[in-house]
Amino acid sequence: MKKFAYIGSAFALPLFAAAQVDSLQELGSFIIDLINNVAVPLVFAIAFIVFIWGIFQYFIQGGHDEEAKDKGKSLMLWGLIGFFIMVSVWGLVNILTGTLNTDESIPELPEAPEVN
């Protein structure tokens, strides 16, 4: 188990060293983009695969085997729970994005009226 910790830290250490940020807003944008572009699609893909595998076990393998049907039902339930978690995290990240206003574009201010 310690080997995995050492290997993982060896790969993660350069990421921490290169994680120089200019502002807290930039760090927040990076974390939100990481969650939106990596974590949520990964959870969605895993949940979809588990759900499809559960359908396969329930309908194909569990034709006459009640144990396989129960296992398929369980996998389909866990797949749906994964979908729910994905949608929840995605929604929370989008709420945080809207609340913290992490848009880095410079707003255009209206011009002042001329005084005669």
PDB file of N, CA and C in Angstrom:
ATOM      1  N   MET A   1       0.821  -1.187   0.000  1.00  0.00           N
ATOM      2  CA  MET A   1       0.000   0.000   0.000  1.00  0.00           C
ATOM      3  C   MET A   1       0.865   1.252   0.000  1.00  0.00           C
ATOM      4  N   LYS A   2       2.009   1.175   0.703  1.00  0.00           N
ATOM      5  CA  LYS A   2       2.892   2.329   0.741  1.00  0.00           C
ATOM      6  C   LYS A   2       3.495   2.612  -0.624  1.00  0.00           C
ATOM      7  N   LYS A   3       3.683   1.536  -1.421  1.00  0.00           N
ATOM      8  CA  LYS A   3       4.234   1.728  -2.760  1.00  0.00           C
ATOM      9  C   LYS A   3       3.318   2.622  -3.593  1.00  0.00           C
ATOM     10  N   PHE A   4       2.010   2.368  -3.503  1.00  0.00           N
ATOM     11  CA  PHE A   4       1.064   3.171  -4.270  1.00  0.00           C
ATOM     12  C   PHE A   4       1.069   4.624  -3.812  1.00  0.00           C
ATOM     13  N   ALA A   5       1.212   4.844  -2.510  1.00  0.00           N
ATOM     14  CA  ALA A   5       1.274   6.208  -1.989  1.00  0.00           C
ATOM     15  C   ALA A   5       2.527   6.917  -2.490  1.00  0.00           C
ATOM     16  N   TYR A   6       3.648   6.226  -2.496  1.00  0.00           N
ATOM     17  CA  TYR A   6       4.887   6.831  -2.979  1.00  0.00           C
ATOM     18  C   TYR A   6       4.817   7.121  -4.483  1.00  0.00           C
ATOM     19  N   ILE A   7       4.284   6.180  -5.228  1.00  0.00           N
ATOM     20  CA  ILE A   7       4.170   6.379  -6.677  1.00  0.00           C
ATOM     21  C   ILE A   7       3.202   7.514  -6.976  1.00  0.00           C
ATOM     22  N   GLY A   8       2.075   7.541  -6.279  1.00  0.00           N
ATOM     23  CA  GLY A   8       1.096   8.609  -6.494  1.00  0.00           C
ATOM     24  C   GLY A   8       1.656   9.974  -6.141  1.00  0.00           C
ATOM     25  N   SER A   9       2.382  10.054  -5.037  1.00  0.00           N
ATOM     26  CA  SER A   9       2.965  11.343  -4.659  1.00  0.00           C
ATOM     27  C   SER A   9       4.078  11.741  -5.616  1.00  0.00           C
ATOM     28  N   ALA A  10       4.795  10.775  -6.157  1.00  0.00           N
ATOM     29  CA  ALA A  10       5.839  11.091  -7.127  1.00  0.00           C
ATOM     30  C   ALA A  10       5.249  11.696  -8.397  1.00  0.00           C
ATOM     31  N   PHE A  11       4.080  11.213  -8.792  1.00  0.00           N
ATOM     32  CA  PHE A  11       3.432  11.781  -9.972  1.00  0.00           C
ATOM     33  C   PHE A  11       2.739  13.101  -9.655  1.00  0.00           C
ATOM     34  N   ALA A  12       2.238  13.264  -8.430  1.00  0.00           N
ATOM     35  CA  ALA A  12       1.490  14.464  -8.075  1.00  0.00           C
ATOM     36  C   ALA A  12       2.387  15.624  -7.667  1.00  0.00           C
ATOM     37  N   LEU A  13       3.589  15.347  -7.188  1.00  0.00           N
ATOM     38  CA  LEU A  13       4.473  16.408  -6.712  1.00  0.00           C
ATOM     39  C   LEU A  13       4.779  17.460  -7.779  1.00  0.00           C
ATOM     40  N   PRO A  14       5.100  17.089  -9.015  1.00  0.00           N
ATOM     41  CA  PRO A  14       5.331  18.127 -10.034  1.00  0.00           C
ATOM     42  C   PRO A  14       4.081  18.974 -10.305  1.00  0.00           C
ATOM     43  N   LEU A  15       2.907  18.390 -10.143  1.00  0.00           N
ATOM     44  CA  LEU A  15       1.692  19.173 -10.343  1.00  0.00           C
ATOM     45  C   LEU A  15       1.570  20.264  -9.284  1.00  0.00           C
ATOM     46  N   PHE A  16       1.930  19.939  -8.051  1.00  0.00           N
ATOM     47  CA  PHE A  16       1.873  20.943  -6.991  1.00  0.00           C
ATOM     48  C   PHE A  16       2.931  22.023  -7.194  1.00  0.00           C
ATOM     49  N   ALA A  17       4.084  21.641  -7.687  1.00  0.00           N
ATOM     50  CA  ALA A  17       5.144  22.616  -7.915  1.00  0.00           C
ATOM     51  C   ALA A  17       4.783  23.558  -9.056  1.00  0.00           C
ATOM     52  N   ALA A  18       4.063  23.063 -10.052  1.00  0.00           N
ATOM     53  CA  ALA A  18       3.677  23.883 -11.195  1.00  0.00           C
ATOM     54  C   ALA A  18       2.357  24.606 -10.967  1.00  0.00           C
ATOM     55  N   ALA A  19       1.799  24.466  -9.786  1.00  0.00           N
ATOM     56  CA  ALA A  19       0.492  25.054  -9.521  1.00  0.00           C
ATOM     57  C   ALA A  19       0.616  26.484  -9.021  1.00  0.00           C
ATOM     58  N   GLN A  20       1.448  27.254  -9.634  1.00  0.00           N
ATOM     59  CA  GLN A  20       1.597  28.646  -9.244  1.00  0.00           C
ATOM     60  C   GLN A  20       0.410  29.423  -9.789  1.00  0.00           C
ATOM     61  N   VAL A  21      -0.277  30.073  -8.907  1.00  0.00           N
ATOM     62  CA  VAL A  21      -1.450  30.843  -9.310  1.00  0.00           C
ATOM     63  C   VAL A  21      -1.235  32.300  -8.959  1.00  0.00           C
ATOM     64  N   ASP A  22      -1.806  33.169  -9.780  1.00  0.00           N
ATOM     65  CA  ASP A  22      -1.677  34.598  -9.534  1.00  0.00           C
ATOM     66  C   ASP A  22      -2.738  35.104  -8.565  1.00  0.00           C
ATOM     67  N   SER A  23      -3.894  34.451  -8.568  1.00  0.00           N
ATOM     68  CA  SER A  23      -4.962  34.919  -7.696  1.00  0.00           C
ATOM     69  C   SER A  23      -5.826  33.746  -7.264  1.00  0.00           C
ATOM     70  N   LEU A  24      -6.607  33.992  -6.255  1.00  0.00           N
ATOM     71  CA  LEU A  24      -7.519  32.976  -5.754  1.00  0.00           C
ATOM     72  C   LEU A  24      -8.600  32.674  -6.792  1.00  0.00           C
ATOM     73  N   GLN A  25      -8.977  33.690  -7.558  1.00  0.00           N
ATOM     74  CA  GLN A  25      -9.988  33.497  -8.593  1.00  0.00           C
ATOM     75  C   GLN A  25      -9.476  32.543  -9.672  1.00  0.00           C
ATOM     76  N   GLU A  26      -8.207  32.655 -10.029  1.00  0.00           N
ATOM     77  CA  GLU A  26      -7.619  31.756 -11.021  1.00  0.00           C
ATOM     78  C   GLU A  26      -7.596  30.322 -10.510  1.00  0.00           C
ATOM     79  N   LEU A  27      -7.271  30.153  -9.228  1.00  0.00           N
ATOM     80  CA  LEU A  27      -7.278  28.827  -8.623  1.00  0.00           C
ATOM     81  C   LEU A  27      -8.688  28.247  -8.617  1.00  0.00           C
ATOM     82  N   GLY A  28      -9.678  29.062  -8.255  1.00  0.00           N
ATOM     83  CA  GLY A  28     -11.071  28.613  -8.265  1.00  0.00           C
ATOM     84  C   GLY A  28     -11.524  28.214  -9.662  1.00  0.00           C
ATOM     85  N   SER A  29     -11.149  28.996 -10.661  1.00  0.00           N
ATOM     86  CA  SER A  29     -11.500  28.664 -12.048  1.00  0.00           C
ATOM     87  C   SER A  29     -10.855  27.355 -12.472  1.00  0.00           C
ATOM     88  N   PHE A  30      -9.605  27.144 -12.061  1.00  0.00           N
ATOM     89  CA  PHE A  30      -8.913  25.901 -12.409  1.00  0.00           C
ATOM     90  C   PHE A  30      -9.615  24.700 -11.787  1.00  0.00           C
ATOM     91  N   ILE A  31      -9.971  24.799 -10.516  1.00  0.00           N
ATOM     92  CA  ILE A  31     -10.640  23.687  -9.832  1.00  0.00           C
ATOM     93  C   ILE A  31     -12.000  23.418 -10.438  1.00  0.00           C
ATOM     94  N   ILE A  32     -12.757  24.462 -10.728  1.00  0.00           N
ATOM     95  CA  ILE A  32     -14.084  24.290 -11.318  1.00  0.00           C
ATOM     96  C   ILE A  32     -13.973  23.684 -12.713  1.00  0.00           C
ATOM     97  N   ASP A  33     -13.008  24.143 -13.514  1.00  0.00           N
ATOM     98  CA  ASP A  33     -12.807  23.558 -14.842  1.00  0.00           C
ATOM     99  C   ASP A  33     -12.392  22.100 -14.743  1.00  0.00           C
ATOM    100  N   LEU A  34     -11.552  21.767 -13.756  1.00  0.00           N
ATOM    101  CA  LEU A  34     -11.131  20.382 -13.561  1.00  0.00           C
ATOM    102  C   LEU A  34     -12.330  19.498 -13.219  1.00  0.00           C
ATOM    103  N   ILE A  35     -13.186  19.972 -12.347  1.00  0.00           N
ATOM    104  CA  ILE A  35     -14.372  19.197 -11.986  1.00  0.00           C
ATOM    105  C   ILE A  35     -15.296  19.062 -13.181  1.00  0.00           C
ATOM    106  N   ASN A  36     -15.545  20.178 -13.885  1.00  0.00           N
ATOM    107  CA  ASN A  36     -16.468  20.140 -15.025  1.00  0.00           C
ATOM    108  C   ASN A  36     -15.948  19.310 -16.190  1.00  0.00           C
ATOM    109  N   ASN A  37     -14.654  19.382 -16.461  1.00  0.00           N
ATOM    110  CA  ASN A  37     -14.123  18.744 -17.664  1.00  0.00           C
ATOM    111  C   ASN A  37     -13.542  17.354 -17.437  1.00  0.00           C
ATOM    112  N   VAL A  38     -13.246  16.976 -16.182  1.00  0.00           N
ATOM    113  CA  VAL A  38     -12.636  15.680 -15.933  1.00  0.00           C
ATOM    114  C   VAL A  38     -13.506  14.818 -15.014  1.00  0.00           C
ATOM    115  N   ALA A  39     -13.794  15.317 -13.834  1.00  0.00           N
ATOM    116  CA  ALA A  39     -14.450  14.490 -12.816  1.00  0.00           C
ATOM    117  C   ALA A  39     -15.881  14.114 -13.200  1.00  0.00           C
ATOM    118  N   VAL A  40     -16.671  15.083 -13.632  1.00  0.00           N
ATOM    119  CA  VAL A  40     -18.075  14.803 -13.934  1.00  0.00           C
ATOM    120  C   VAL A  40     -18.215  13.846 -15.126  1.00  0.00           C
ATOM    121  N   PRO A  41     -17.515  14.061 -16.244  1.00  0.00           N
ATOM    122  CA  PRO A  41     -17.625  13.073 -17.326  1.00  0.00           C
ATOM    123  C   PRO A  41     -17.125  11.684 -16.932  1.00  0.00           C
ATOM    124  N   LEU A  42     -16.106  11.614 -16.068  1.00  0.00           N
ATOM    125  CA  LEU A  42     -15.603  10.320 -15.615  1.00  0.00           C
ATOM    126  C   LEU A  42     -16.658   9.593 -14.779  1.00  0.00           C
ATOM    127  N   VAL A  43     -17.287  10.302 -13.850  1.00  0.00           N
ATOM    128  CA  VAL A  43     -18.347   9.697 -13.036  1.00  0.00           C
ATOM    129  C   VAL A  43     -19.519   9.286 -13.921  1.00  0.00           C
ATOM    130  N   PHE A  44     -19.861  10.120 -14.893  1.00  0.00           N
ATOM    131  CA  PHE A  44     -20.949   9.790 -15.819  1.00  0.00           C
ATOM    132  C   PHE A  44     -20.627   8.517 -16.603  1.00  0.00           C
ATOM    133  N   ALA A  45     -19.397   8.400 -17.101  1.00  0.00           N
ATOM    134  CA  ALA A  45     -19.015   7.220 -17.878  1.00  0.00           C
ATOM    135  C   ALA A  45     -19.038   5.959 -17.018  1.00  0.00           C
ATOM    136  N   ILE A  46     -18.525   6.046 -15.801  1.00  0.00           N
ATOM    137  CA  ILE A  46     -18.525   4.883 -14.913  1.00  0.00           C
ATOM    138  C   ILE A  46     -19.952   4.479 -14.563  1.00  0.00           C
ATOM    139  N   ALA A  47     -20.806   5.461 -14.260  1.00  0.00           N
ATOM    140  CA  ALA A  47     -22.199   5.163 -13.928  1.00  0.00           C
ATOM    141  C   ALA A  47     -22.914   4.531 -15.123  1.00  0.00           C
ATOM    142  N   PHE A  48     -22.637   5.015 -16.316  1.00  0.00           N
ATOM    143  CA  PHE A  48     -23.279   4.463 -17.509  1.00  0.00           C
ATOM    144  C   PHE A  48     -22.838   3.022 -17.747  1.00  0.00           C
ATOM    145  N   ILE A  49     -21.551   2.753 -17.585  1.00  0.00           N
ATOM    146  CA  ILE A  49     -21.045   1.389 -17.781  1.00  0.00           C
ATOM    147  C   ILE A  49     -21.637   0.445 -16.742  1.00  0.00           C
ATOM    148  N   VAL A  50     -21.714   0.884 -15.487  1.00  0.00           N
ATOM    149  CA  VAL A  50     -22.294   0.047 -14.438  1.00  0.00           C
ATOM    150  C   VAL A  50     -23.768  -0.218 -14.721  1.00  0.00           C
ATOM    151  N   PHE A  51     -24.493   0.789 -15.169  1.00  0.00           N
ATOM    152  CA  PHE A  51     -25.906   0.633 -15.483  1.00  0.00           C
ATOM    153  C   PHE A  51     -26.111  -0.352 -16.640  1.00  0.00           C
ATOM    154  N   ILE A  52     -25.325  -0.207 -17.699  1.00  0.00           N
ATOM    155  CA  ILE A  52     -25.437  -1.117 -18.853  1.00  0.00           C
ATOM    156  C   ILE A  52     -25.061  -2.538 -18.447  1.00  0.00           C
ATOM    157  N   TRP A  53     -24.023  -2.700 -17.613  1.00  0.00           N
ATOM    158  CA  TRP A  53     -23.635  -4.032 -17.149  1.00  0.00           C
ATOM    159  C   TRP A  53     -24.752  -4.645 -16.305  1.00  0.00           C
ATOM    160  N   GLY A  54     -25.422  -3.834 -15.502  1.00  0.00           N
ATOM    161  CA  GLY A  54     -26.554  -4.323 -14.722  1.00  0.00           C
ATOM    162  C   GLY A  54     -27.706  -4.770 -15.604  1.00  0.00           C
ATOM    163  N   ILE A  55     -27.982  -4.027 -16.662  1.00  0.00           N
ATOM    164  CA  ILE A  55     -29.024  -4.430 -17.615  1.00  0.00           C
ATOM    165  C   ILE A  55     -28.650  -5.748 -18.268  1.00  0.00           C
ATOM    166  N   PHE A  56     -27.377  -5.887 -18.654  1.00  0.00           N
ATOM    167  CA  PHE A  56     -26.917  -7.120 -19.271  1.00  0.00           C
ATOM    168  C   PHE A  56     -27.091  -8.301 -18.320  1.00  0.00           C
ATOM    169  N   GLN A  57     -26.702  -8.104 -17.060  1.00  0.00           N
ATOM    170  CA  GLN A  57     -26.832  -9.199 -16.099  1.00  0.00           C
ATOM    171  C   GLN A  57     -28.288  -9.524 -15.801  1.00  0.00           C
ATOM    172  N   TYR A  58     -29.140  -8.536 -15.760  1.00  0.00           N
ATOM    173  CA  TYR A  58     -30.540  -8.768 -15.419  1.00  0.00           C
ATOM    174  C   TYR A  58     -31.267  -9.495 -16.557  1.00  0.00           C
ATOM    175  N   PHE A  59     -31.081  -9.021 -17.784  1.00  0.00           N
ATOM    176  CA  PHE A  59     -31.848  -9.578 -18.895  1.00  0.00           C
ATOM    177  C   PHE A  59     -31.168 -10.761 -19.578  1.00  0.00           C
ATOM    178  N   ILE A  60     -29.864 -10.730 -19.761  1.00  0.00           N
ATOM    179  CA  ILE A  60     -29.183 -11.769 -20.520  1.00  0.00           C
ATOM    180  C   ILE A  60     -28.744 -12.915 -19.612  1.00  0.00           C
ATOM    181  N   GLN A  61     -27.935 -12.602 -18.601  1.00  0.00           N
ATOM    182  CA  GLN A  61     -27.419 -13.666 -17.740  1.00  0.00           C
ATOM    183  C   GLN A  61     -28.466 -14.170 -16.756  1.00  0.00           C
ATOM    184  N   GLY A  62     -29.391 -13.332 -16.376  1.00  0.00           N
ATOM    185  CA  GLY A  62     -30.354 -13.718 -15.345  1.00  0.00           C
ATOM    186  C   GLY A  62     -31.639 -14.267 -15.902  1.00  0.00           C
ATOM    187  N   GLY A  63     -31.591 -14.923 -17.044  1.00  0.00           N
ATOM    188  CA  GLY A  63     -32.806 -15.467 -17.643  1.00  0.00           C
ATOM    189  C   GLY A  63     -33.565 -16.383 -16.698  1.00  0.00           C
ATOM    190  N   HIS A  64     -32.888 -17.343 -16.097  1.00  0.00           N
ATOM    191  CA  HIS A  64     -33.531 -18.274 -15.165  1.00  0.00           C
ATOM    192  C   HIS A  64     -32.860 -18.255 -13.798  1.00  0.00           C
ATOM    193  N   ASP A  65     -31.869 -17.405 -13.614  1.00  0.00           N
ATOM    194  CA  ASP A  65     -31.106 -17.368 -12.362  1.00  0.00           C
ATOM    195  C   ASP A  65     -31.528 -16.133 -11.556  1.00  0.00           C
ATOM    196  N   GLU A  66     -32.179 -16.361 -10.433  1.00  0.00           N
ATOM    197  CA  GLU A  66     -32.667 -15.254  -9.610  1.00  0.00           C
ATOM    198  C   GLU A  66     -31.519 -14.476  -8.966  1.00  0.00           C
ATOM    199  N   GLU A  67     -30.423 -15.163  -8.661  1.00  0.00           N
ATOM    200  CA  GLU A  67     -29.278 -14.480  -8.059  1.00  0.00           C
ATOM    201  C   GLU A  67     -28.667 -13.473  -9.031  1.00  0.00           C
ATOM    202  N   ALA A  68     -28.567 -13.853 -10.314  1.00  0.00           N
ATOM    203  CA  ALA A  68     -28.032 -12.939 -11.324  1.00  0.00           C
ATOM    204  C   ALA A  68     -28.983 -11.758 -11.532  1.00  0.00           C
ATOM    205  N   LYS A  69     -30.288 -12.009 -11.455  1.00  0.00           N
ATOM    206  CA  LYS A  69     -31.254 -10.911 -11.588  1.00  0.00           C
ATOM    207  C   LYS A  69     -31.111  -9.925 -10.439  1.00  0.00           C
ATOM    208  N   ASP A  70     -30.940 -10.437  -9.223  1.00  0.00           N
ATOM    209  CA  ASP A  70     -30.769  -9.549  -8.074  1.00  0.00           C
ATOM    210  C   ASP A  70     -29.484  -8.730  -8.190  1.00  0.00           C
ATOM    211  N   LYS A  71     -28.419  -9.369  -8.667  1.00  0.00           N
ATOM    212  CA  LYS A  71     -27.163  -8.659  -8.854  1.00  0.00           C
ATOM    213  C   LYS A  71     -27.308  -7.588  -9.937  1.00  0.00           C
ATOM    214  N   GLY A  72     -28.035  -7.909 -11.009  1.00  0.00           N
ATOM    215  CA  GLY A  72     -28.288  -6.929 -12.071  1.00  0.00           C
ATOM    216  C   GLY A  72     -29.103  -5.755 -11.562  1.00  0.00           C
ATOM    217  N   LYS A  73     -30.117  -6.030 -10.736  1.00  0.00           N
ATOM    218  CA  LYS A  73     -30.912  -4.940 -10.152  1.00  0.00           C
ATOM    219  C   LYS A  73     -30.034  -4.037  -9.294  1.00  0.00           C
ATOM    220  N   SER A  74     -29.163  -4.660  -8.516  1.00  0.00           N
ATOM    221  CA  SER A  74     -28.276  -3.889  -7.649  1.00  0.00           C
ATOM    222  C   SER A  74     -27.343  -2.998  -8.473  1.00  0.00           C
ATOM    223  N   LEU A  75     -26.784  -3.538  -9.550  1.00  0.00           N
ATOM    224  CA  LEU A  75     -25.894  -2.741 -10.391  1.00  0.00           C
ATOM    225  C   LEU A  75     -26.640  -1.603 -11.080  1.00  0.00           C
ATOM    226  N   MET A  76     -27.870  -1.864 -11.523  1.00  0.00           N
ATOM    227  CA  MET A  76     -28.651  -0.790 -12.139  1.00  0.00           C
ATOM    228  C   MET A  76     -28.954   0.307 -11.129  1.00  0.00           C
ATOM    229  N   LEU A  77     -29.236  -0.077  -9.886  1.00  0.00           N
ATOM    230  CA  LEU A  77     -29.489   0.910  -8.847  1.00  0.00           C
ATOM    231  C   LEU A  77     -28.246   1.754  -8.584  1.00  0.00           C
ATOM    232  N   TRP A  78     -27.072   1.106  -8.490  1.00  0.00           N
ATOM    233  CA  TRP A  78     -25.838   1.859  -8.266  1.00  0.00           C
ATOM    234  C   TRP A  78     -25.501   2.748  -9.458  1.00  0.00           C
ATOM    235  N   GLY A  79     -25.829   2.302 -10.662  1.00  0.00           N
ATOM    236  CA  GLY A  79     -25.630   3.150 -11.841  1.00  0.00           C
ATOM    237  C   GLY A  79     -26.499   4.392 -11.777  1.00  0.00           C
ATOM    238  N   LEU A  80     -27.754   4.226 -11.362  1.00  0.00           N
ATOM    239  CA  LEU A  80     -28.642   5.380 -11.224  1.00  0.00           C
ATOM    240  C   LEU A  80     -28.169   6.319 -10.115  1.00  0.00           C
ATOM    241  N   ILE A  81     -27.654   5.753  -9.030  1.00  0.00           N
ATOM    242  CA  ILE A  81     -27.100   6.592  -7.960  1.00  0.00           C
ATOM    243  C   ILE A  81     -25.905   7.391  -8.496  1.00  0.00           C
ATOM    244  N   GLY A  82     -25.087   6.757  -9.330  1.00  0.00           N
ATOM    245  CA  GLY A  82     -23.963   7.465  -9.951  1.00  0.00           C
ATOM    246  C   GLY A  82     -24.429   8.602 -10.838  1.00  0.00           C
ATOM    247  N   PHE A  83     -25.501   8.371 -11.618  1.00  0.00           N
ATOM    248  CA  PHE A  83     -26.067   9.445 -12.434  1.00  0.00           C
ATOM    249  C   PHE A  83     -26.535  10.594 -11.549  1.00  0.00           C
ATOM    250  N   PHE A  84     -27.190  10.276 -10.446  1.00  0.00           N
ATOM    251  CA  PHE A  84     -27.684  11.300  -9.534  1.00  0.00           C
ATOM    252  C   PHE A  84     -26.533  12.104  -8.950  1.00  0.00           C
ATOM    253  N   ILE A  85     -25.462  11.425  -8.551  1.00  0.00           N
ATOM    254  CA  ILE A  85     -24.301  12.124  -8.000  1.00  0.00           C
ATOM    255  C   ILE A  85     -23.696  13.040  -9.053  1.00  0.00           C
ATOM    256  N   MET A  86     -23.599  12.551 -10.288  1.00  0.00           N
ATOM    257  CA  MET A  86     -23.027  13.360 -11.354  1.00  0.00           C
ATOM    258  C   MET A  86     -23.837  14.625 -11.586  1.00  0.00           C
ATOM    259  N   VAL A  87     -25.137  14.484 -11.671  1.00  0.00           N
ATOM    260  CA  VAL A  87     -25.989  15.651 -11.916  1.00  0.00           C
ATOM    261  C   VAL A  87     -25.921  16.613 -10.731  1.00  0.00           C
ATOM    262  N   SER A  88     -25.867  16.083  -9.521  1.00  0.00           N
ATOM    263  CA  SER A  88     -25.797  16.932  -8.328  1.00  0.00           C
ATOM    264  C   SER A  88     -24.491  17.721  -8.282  1.00  0.00           C
ATOM    265  N   VAL A  89     -23.375  17.052  -8.509  1.00  0.00           N
ATOM    266  CA  VAL A  89     -22.081  17.746  -8.479  1.00  0.00           C
ATOM    267  C   VAL A  89     -22.010  18.776  -9.591  1.00  0.00           C
ATOM    268  N   TRP A  90     -22.484  18.424 -10.770  1.00  0.00           N
ATOM    269  CA  TRP A  90     -22.467  19.347 -11.889  1.00  0.00           C
ATOM    270  C   TRP A  90     -23.312  20.579 -11.571  1.00  0.00           C
ATOM    271  N   GLY A  91     -24.472  20.358 -10.972  1.00  0.00           N
ATOM    272  CA  GLY A  91     -25.321  21.475 -10.599  1.00  0.00           C
ATOM    273  C   GLY A  91     -24.679  22.361  -9.542  1.00  0.00           C
ATOM    274  N   LEU A  92     -24.058  21.747  -8.528  1.00  0.00           N
ATOM    275  CA  LEU A  92     -23.398  22.537  -7.489  1.00  0.00           C
ATOM    276  C   LEU A  92     -22.232  23.350  -8.050  1.00  0.00           C
ATOM    277  N   VAL A  93     -21.474  22.754  -8.954  1.00  0.00           N
ATOM    278  CA  VAL A  93     -20.356  23.486  -9.551  1.00  0.00           C
ATOM    279  C   VAL A  93     -20.873  24.658 -10.368  1.00  0.00           C
ATOM    280  N   ASN A  94     -21.944  24.453 -11.107  1.00  0.00           N
ATOM    281  CA  ASN A  94     -22.494  25.558 -11.894  1.00  0.00           C
ATOM    282  C   ASN A  94     -23.097  26.640 -11.008  1.00  0.00           C
ATOM    283  N   ILE A  95     -23.679  26.264  -9.872  1.00  0.00           N
ATOM    284  CA  ILE A  95     -24.171  27.262  -8.920  1.00  0.00           C
ATOM    285  C   ILE A  95     -23.002  28.067  -8.363  1.00  0.00           C
ATOM    286  N   LEU A  96     -21.909  27.370  -7.995  1.00  0.00           N
ATOM    287  CA  LEU A  96     -20.724  28.082  -7.500  1.00  0.00           C
ATOM    288  C   LEU A  96     -20.133  28.993  -8.565  1.00  0.00           C
ATOM    289  N   THR A  97     -20.105  28.531  -9.800  1.00  0.00           N
ATOM    290  CA  THR A  97     -19.579  29.351 -10.886  1.00  0.00           C
ATOM    291  C   THR A  97     -20.394  30.621 -11.042  1.00  0.00           C
ATOM    292  N   GLY A  98     -21.707  30.489 -11.007  1.00  0.00           N
ATOM    293  CA  GLY A  98     -22.567  31.659 -11.138  1.00  0.00           C
ATOM    294  C   GLY A  98     -22.496  32.572  -9.927  1.00  0.00           C
ATOM    295  N   THR A  99     -22.350  31.993  -8.744  1.00  0.00           N
ATOM    296  CA  THR A  99     -22.308  32.787  -7.523  1.00  0.00           C
ATOM    297  C   THR A  99     -21.001  33.549  -7.394  1.00  0.00           C
ATOM    298  N   LEU A 100     -19.885  32.893  -7.646  1.00  0.00           N
ATOM    299  CA  LEU A 100     -18.580  33.519  -7.477  1.00  0.00           C
ATOM    300  C   LEU A 100     -18.172  34.361  -8.673  1.00  0.00           C
ATOM    301  N   ASN A 101     -18.933  34.291  -9.749  1.00  0.00           N
ATOM    302  CA  ASN A 101     -18.671  35.056 -10.965  1.00  0.00           C
ATOM    303  C   ASN A 101     -17.219  34.891 -11.406  1.00  0.00           C
ATOM    304  N   THR A 102     -16.869  33.673 -11.784  1.00  0.00           N
ATOM    305  CA  THR A 102     -15.499  33.378 -12.189  1.00  0.00           C
ATOM    306  C   THR A 102     -15.225  33.720 -13.646  1.00  0.00           C
ATOM    307  N   ASP A 103     -16.103  34.481 -14.253  1.00  0.00           N
ATOM    308  CA  ASP A 103     -15.883  34.916 -15.627  1.00  0.00           C
ATOM    309  C   ASP A 103     -14.715  35.898 -15.639  1.00  0.00           C
ATOM    310  N   GLU A 104     -13.673  35.599 -16.405  1.00  0.00           N
ATOM    311  CA  GLU A 104     -12.466  36.411 -16.389  1.00  0.00           C
ATOM    312  C   GLU A 104     -12.472  37.518 -17.441  1.00  0.00           C
ATOM    313  N   SER A 105     -13.550  37.684 -18.158  1.00  0.00           N
ATOM    314  CA  SER A 105     -13.584  38.731 -19.163  1.00  0.00           C
ATOM    315  C   SER A 105     -13.743  40.091 -18.485  1.00  0.00           C
ATOM    316  N   ILE A 106     -13.202  41.105 -19.102  1.00  0.00           N
ATOM    317  CA  ILE A 106     -13.269  42.454 -18.557  1.00  0.00           C
ATOM    318  C   ILE A 106     -14.604  43.070 -18.962  1.00  0.00           C
ATOM    319  N   PRO A 107     -15.365  43.545 -17.999  1.00  0.00           N
ATOM    320  CA  PRO A 107     -16.664  44.119 -18.356  1.00  0.00           C
ATOM    321  C   PRO A 107     -16.487  45.454 -19.076  1.00  0.00           C
ATOM    322  N   GLU A 108     -17.392  45.734 -20.018  1.00  0.00           N
ATOM    323  CA  GLU A 108     -17.375  46.990 -20.728  1.00  0.00           C
ATOM    324  C   GLU A 108     -18.252  47.967 -19.973  1.00  0.00           C
ATOM    325  N   LEU A 109     -17.682  49.080 -19.589  1.00  0.00           N
ATOM    326  CA  LEU A 109     -18.433  50.086 -18.857  1.00  0.00           C
ATOM    327  C   LEU A 109     -19.048  51.074 -19.845  1.00  0.00           C
ATOM    328  N   PRO A 110     -20.221  51.579 -19.522  1.00  0.00           N
ATOM    329  CA  PRO A 110     -20.821  52.566 -20.430  1.00  0.00           C
ATOM    330  C   PRO A 110     -20.047  53.881 -20.363  1.00  0.00           C
ATOM    331  N   GLU A 111     -20.071  54.604 -21.458  1.00  0.00           N
ATOM    332  CA  GLU A 111     -19.351  55.884 -21.510  1.00  0.00           C
ATOM    333  C   GLU A 111     -20.166  56.941 -20.769  1.00  0.00           C
ATOM    334  N   ALA A 112     -19.453  57.847 -20.127  1.00  0.00           N
ATOM    335  CA  ALA A 112     -20.111  58.929 -19.406  1.00  0.00           C
ATOM    336  C   ALA A 112     -20.647  59.943 -20.414  1.00  0.00           C
ATOM    337  N   PRO A 113     -21.804  60.545 -20.115  1.00  0.00           N
ATOM    338  CA  PRO A 113     -22.334  61.543 -21.046  1.00  0.00           C
ATOM    339  C   PRO A 113     -21.455  62.807 -21.021  1.00  0.00           C
ATOM    340  N   GLU A 114     -21.399  63.466 -22.151  1.00  0.00           N
ATOM    341  CA  GLU A 114     -20.593  64.684 -22.267  1.00  0.00           C
ATOM    342  C   GLU A 114     -21.316  65.833 -21.609  1.00  0.00           C
ATOM    343  N   VAL A 115     -20.568  66.656 -20.903  1.00  0.00           N
ATOM    344  CA  VAL A 115     -21.128  67.821 -20.231  1.00  0.00           C
ATOM    345  C   VAL A 115     -20.830  69.047 -21.086  1.00  0.00           C
ATOM    346  N   ASN A 116     -21.841  69.816 -21.442  1.00  0.00           N
ATOM    347  CA  ASN A 116     -21.648  71.022 -22.257  1.00  0.00           C
ATOM    348  C   ASN A 116     -21.587  72.247 -21.412  1.00  0.00           C
TER     349      ASN A 116
END
